[in-house]
Amino acid sequence: MEQKSRGDEIRHGQKAKSNITWEKIRDANIPIFFIAGGADLYQPPSMMRAAAREIPHSNTLVIPEAGHAVQWEQPELFNHSVLKFLNKHR
């Protein structure tokens, strides 16, 4: 089953218009807010923290009792946190 899930290993879909790198993201010099659900198995908090280490001055938040769809699973906390972040960077 695992072998079948890989398909033909050819990336299908639209090609990216540009090559996105950590350097390009850092050079953009924009506020970055990483949010992860504490129970996210697809993109767990450890992966979020690893990405955040690549971006100086980025903000992180782990929302407990949420998986990958934090905005649906904990909408009040998610919305409050995002609005607070946006207001801080007006």
N, C-alpha and C. Protein backbone atom coordinates (compact mmCIF):
# COMPACT_ATOMS: atom_id res chain seq x y z
N MET A 1 0.83 -1.17 0.00
CA MET A 1 0.00 0.00 0.00
C MET A 1 0.88 1.26 0.00
N GLU A 2 1.97 1.21 0.79
CA GLU A 2 2.85 2.37 0.82
C GLU A 2 3.44 2.64 -0.57
N GLN A 3 3.88 1.61 -1.26
CA GLN A 3 4.46 1.78 -2.59
C GLN A 3 3.44 2.39 -3.55
N LYS A 4 2.20 1.92 -3.51
CA LYS A 4 1.16 2.45 -4.39
C LYS A 4 0.85 3.91 -4.09
N SER A 5 1.00 4.31 -2.83
CA SER A 5 0.66 5.69 -2.45
C SER A 5 1.63 6.71 -3.06
N ARG A 6 2.79 6.25 -3.47
CA ARG A 6 3.78 7.15 -4.05
C ARG A 6 3.49 7.51 -5.50
N GLY A 7 2.60 6.77 -6.15
CA GLY A 7 2.28 7.05 -7.53
C GLY A 7 3.50 6.84 -8.42
N ASP A 8 3.61 7.64 -9.46
CA ASP A 8 4.73 7.49 -10.40
C ASP A 8 5.93 8.35 -10.01
N GLU A 9 5.84 9.02 -8.84
CA GLU A 9 6.90 9.88 -8.30
C GLU A 9 7.25 11.06 -9.19
N ILE A 10 6.35 11.38 -10.12
CA ILE A 10 6.51 12.57 -10.95
C ILE A 10 5.59 13.64 -10.37
N ARG A 11 6.13 14.83 -10.18
CA ARG A 11 5.31 15.91 -9.64
C ARG A 11 4.34 16.39 -10.71
N HIS A 12 3.07 16.26 -10.41
CA HIS A 12 2.04 16.70 -11.33
C HIS A 12 1.51 18.04 -10.86
N GLY A 13 1.06 18.84 -11.78
CA GLY A 13 0.49 20.13 -11.41
C GLY A 13 1.30 21.26 -11.99
N GLN A 14 0.91 22.43 -11.60
CA GLN A 14 1.53 23.65 -12.13
C GLN A 14 2.93 23.83 -11.56
N LYS A 15 3.87 24.21 -12.41
CA LYS A 15 5.22 24.49 -11.94
C LYS A 15 5.23 25.81 -11.17
N ALA A 16 6.10 25.88 -10.20
CA ALA A 16 6.25 27.11 -9.44
C ALA A 16 6.85 28.19 -10.33
N LYS A 17 6.35 29.42 -10.16
CA LYS A 17 6.86 30.54 -10.96
C LYS A 17 8.25 30.96 -10.51
N SER A 18 8.53 30.82 -9.22
CA SER A 18 9.85 31.18 -8.72
C SER A 18 10.31 30.15 -7.71
N ASN A 19 11.59 30.12 -7.49
CA ASN A 19 12.18 29.21 -6.53
C ASN A 19 12.21 29.90 -5.17
N ILE A 20 11.42 29.40 -4.23
CA ILE A 20 11.35 30.01 -2.91
C ILE A 20 12.42 29.38 -2.02
N THR A 21 13.23 30.24 -1.40
CA THR A 21 14.30 29.76 -0.52
C THR A 21 14.19 30.49 0.82
N TRP A 22 14.87 29.93 1.83
CA TRP A 22 14.90 30.62 3.13
C TRP A 22 15.51 32.00 2.98
N GLU A 23 16.54 32.10 2.16
CA GLU A 23 17.20 33.39 1.95
C GLU A 23 16.22 34.42 1.39
N LYS A 24 15.43 34.03 0.42
CA LYS A 24 14.46 34.97 -0.15
C LYS A 24 13.41 35.38 0.87
N ILE A 25 12.98 34.44 1.69
CA ILE A 25 11.99 34.77 2.73
C ILE A 25 12.60 35.73 3.74
N ARG A 26 13.83 35.46 4.17
CA ARG A 26 14.50 36.37 5.13
C ARG A 26 14.68 37.76 4.52
N ASP A 27 15.09 37.81 3.24
CA ASP A 27 15.32 39.10 2.58
C ASP A 27 14.05 39.92 2.42
N ALA A 28 12.89 39.27 2.41
CA ALA A 28 11.61 39.99 2.27
C ALA A 28 11.37 40.88 3.49
N ASN A 29 11.95 40.52 4.62
CA ASN A 29 11.86 41.32 5.83
C ASN A 29 10.41 41.67 6.19
N ILE A 30 9.57 40.65 6.24
CA ILE A 30 8.17 40.83 6.63
C ILE A 30 7.91 40.02 7.90
N PRO A 31 6.93 40.43 8.69
CA PRO A 31 6.60 39.67 9.90
C PRO A 31 6.08 38.27 9.54
N ILE A 32 6.58 37.28 10.22
CA ILE A 32 6.18 35.90 9.99
C ILE A 32 5.63 35.32 11.29
N PHE A 33 4.47 34.67 11.20
CA PHE A 33 3.82 34.06 12.36
C PHE A 33 3.56 32.59 12.05
N PHE A 34 4.30 31.71 12.70
CA PHE A 34 4.12 30.27 12.54
C PHE A 34 3.15 29.78 13.61
N ILE A 35 2.12 29.06 13.21
CA ILE A 35 1.14 28.51 14.14
C ILE A 35 1.04 27.01 13.88
N ALA A 36 1.07 26.23 14.96
CA ALA A 36 0.92 24.77 14.83
C ALA A 36 -0.02 24.28 15.91
N GLY A 37 -0.75 23.25 15.58
CA GLY A 37 -1.57 22.57 16.57
C GLY A 37 -0.69 21.61 17.36
N GLY A 38 -0.92 21.56 18.64
CA GLY A 38 -0.11 20.68 19.49
C GLY A 38 -0.22 19.22 19.11
N ALA A 39 -1.33 18.83 18.48
CA ALA A 39 -1.55 17.44 18.09
C ALA A 39 -1.48 17.26 16.57
N ASP A 40 -0.82 18.18 15.88
CA ASP A 40 -0.72 18.10 14.42
C ASP A 40 0.30 17.02 14.05
N LEU A 41 -0.18 15.97 13.41
CA LEU A 41 0.70 14.88 13.00
C LEU A 41 1.33 15.14 11.64
N TYR A 42 0.70 16.00 10.82
CA TYR A 42 1.20 16.30 9.48
C TYR A 42 2.35 17.31 9.52
N GLN A 43 2.18 18.37 10.30
CA GLN A 43 3.21 19.41 10.45
C GLN A 43 3.31 19.73 11.94
N PRO A 44 3.98 18.87 12.70
CA PRO A 44 4.01 19.00 14.15
C PRO A 44 4.79 20.23 14.63
N PRO A 45 4.58 20.61 15.89
CA PRO A 45 5.28 21.78 16.43
C PRO A 45 6.79 21.73 16.26
N SER A 46 7.40 20.57 16.31
CA SER A 46 8.85 20.49 16.13
C SER A 46 9.26 20.96 14.74
N MET A 47 8.46 20.65 13.72
CA MET A 47 8.74 21.12 12.36
C MET A 47 8.54 22.62 12.26
N MET A 48 7.51 23.14 12.94
CA MET A 48 7.27 24.58 12.95
C MET A 48 8.45 25.31 13.58
N ARG A 49 8.94 24.78 14.70
CA ARG A 49 10.07 25.42 15.37
C ARG A 49 11.33 25.38 14.49
N ALA A 50 11.51 24.29 13.76
CA ALA A 50 12.67 24.19 12.85
C ALA A 50 12.57 25.26 11.76
N ALA A 51 11.38 25.46 11.22
CA ALA A 51 11.19 26.50 10.20
C ALA A 51 11.41 27.88 10.81
N ALA A 52 10.90 28.09 12.02
CA ALA A 52 11.03 29.39 12.67
C ALA A 52 12.49 29.75 12.94
N ARG A 53 13.32 28.76 13.18
CA ARG A 53 14.75 29.04 13.40
C ARG A 53 15.41 29.62 12.15
N GLU A 54 14.82 29.39 10.99
CA GLU A 54 15.35 29.92 9.74
C GLU A 54 15.01 31.40 9.54
N ILE A 55 14.03 31.89 10.28
CA ILE A 55 13.54 33.27 10.10
C ILE A 55 13.75 34.06 11.39
N PRO A 56 14.78 34.90 11.44
CA PRO A 56 15.00 35.71 12.65
C PRO A 56 13.77 36.57 12.97
N HIS A 57 13.48 36.71 14.22
CA HIS A 57 12.40 37.57 14.71
C HIS A 57 11.01 37.08 14.33
N SER A 58 10.89 35.83 13.88
CA SER A 58 9.55 35.30 13.60
C SER A 58 8.88 34.96 14.93
N ASN A 59 7.57 34.86 14.89
CA ASN A 59 6.78 34.49 16.06
C ASN A 59 6.23 33.09 15.87
N THR A 60 6.07 32.36 16.98
CA THR A 60 5.51 31.02 16.92
C THR A 60 4.42 30.88 17.97
N LEU A 61 3.51 29.97 17.69
CA LEU A 61 2.45 29.66 18.64
C LEU A 61 2.06 28.20 18.44
N VAL A 62 2.02 27.45 19.53
CA VAL A 62 1.48 26.10 19.52
C VAL A 62 0.13 26.15 20.21
N ILE A 63 -0.91 25.74 19.50
CA ILE A 63 -2.26 25.76 20.06
C ILE A 63 -2.60 24.35 20.54
N PRO A 64 -2.79 24.20 21.85
CA PRO A 64 -3.07 22.87 22.39
C PRO A 64 -4.44 22.36 21.95
N GLU A 65 -4.60 21.07 22.02
CA GLU A 65 -5.87 20.42 21.70
C GLU A 65 -6.32 20.70 20.27
N ALA A 66 -5.36 20.86 19.35
CA ALA A 66 -5.68 21.08 17.95
C ALA A 66 -4.73 20.28 17.09
N GLY A 67 -5.25 19.83 15.96
CA GLY A 67 -4.43 19.11 15.00
C GLY A 67 -3.99 20.05 13.89
N HIS A 68 -4.12 19.60 12.64
CA HIS A 68 -3.63 20.36 11.50
C HIS A 68 -4.55 21.52 11.12
N ALA A 69 -5.83 21.43 11.44
CA ALA A 69 -6.79 22.49 11.07
C ALA A 69 -7.08 23.38 12.27
N VAL A 70 -6.05 24.03 12.77
CA VAL A 70 -6.17 24.86 13.97
C VAL A 70 -7.29 25.88 13.84
N GLN A 71 -7.41 26.50 12.68
CA GLN A 71 -8.41 27.55 12.50
C GLN A 71 -9.83 27.03 12.65
N TRP A 72 -10.06 25.75 12.44
CA TRP A 72 -11.39 25.15 12.62
C TRP A 72 -11.54 24.52 13.99
N GLU A 73 -10.46 23.99 14.52
CA GLU A 73 -10.53 23.25 15.77
C GLU A 73 -10.51 24.16 17.00
N GLN A 74 -9.81 25.27 16.91
CA GLN A 74 -9.73 26.25 18.01
C GLN A 74 -9.89 27.66 17.42
N PRO A 75 -11.04 27.96 16.80
CA PRO A 75 -11.17 29.22 16.06
C PRO A 75 -11.03 30.48 16.92
N GLU A 76 -11.53 30.45 18.14
CA GLU A 76 -11.45 31.66 18.97
C GLU A 76 -10.00 32.01 19.29
N LEU A 77 -9.24 31.01 19.71
CA LEU A 77 -7.83 31.25 20.05
C LEU A 77 -7.03 31.60 18.80
N PHE A 78 -7.31 30.91 17.72
CA PHE A 78 -6.62 31.19 16.46
C PHE A 78 -6.88 32.63 16.01
N ASN A 79 -8.14 33.01 15.95
CA ASN A 79 -8.49 34.37 15.49
C ASN A 79 -7.91 35.44 16.41
N HIS A 80 -8.03 35.23 17.70
CA HIS A 80 -7.49 36.21 18.65
C HIS A 80 -5.97 36.37 18.45
N SER A 81 -5.27 35.26 18.30
CA SER A 81 -3.81 35.30 18.15
C SER A 81 -3.39 35.96 16.84
N VAL A 82 -4.08 35.64 15.76
CA VAL A 82 -3.74 36.24 14.47
C VAL A 82 -4.03 37.74 14.47
N LEU A 83 -5.18 38.13 15.00
CA LEU A 83 -5.51 39.57 15.05
C LEU A 83 -4.52 40.33 15.93
N LYS A 84 -4.12 39.74 17.05
CA LYS A 84 -3.12 40.38 17.92
C LYS A 84 -1.80 40.55 17.17
N PHE A 85 -1.38 39.54 16.43
CA PHE A 85 -0.14 39.61 15.64
C PHE A 85 -0.25 40.69 14.57
N LEU A 86 -1.37 40.71 13.85
CA LEU A 86 -1.55 41.72 12.78
C LEU A 86 -1.57 43.14 13.34
N ASN A 87 -2.25 43.33 14.46
CA ASN A 87 -2.31 44.66 15.08
C ASN A 87 -0.93 45.11 15.56
N LYS A 88 -0.13 44.17 16.01
CA LYS A 88 1.24 44.48 16.46
C LYS A 88 2.10 44.98 15.30
N HIS A 89 1.80 44.53 14.09
CA HIS A 89 2.63 44.84 12.93
C HIS A 89 1.93 45.78 11.95
N ARG A 90 1.05 46.61 12.43
CA ARG A 90 0.37 47.58 11.57
C ARG A 90 1.33 48.58 11.01
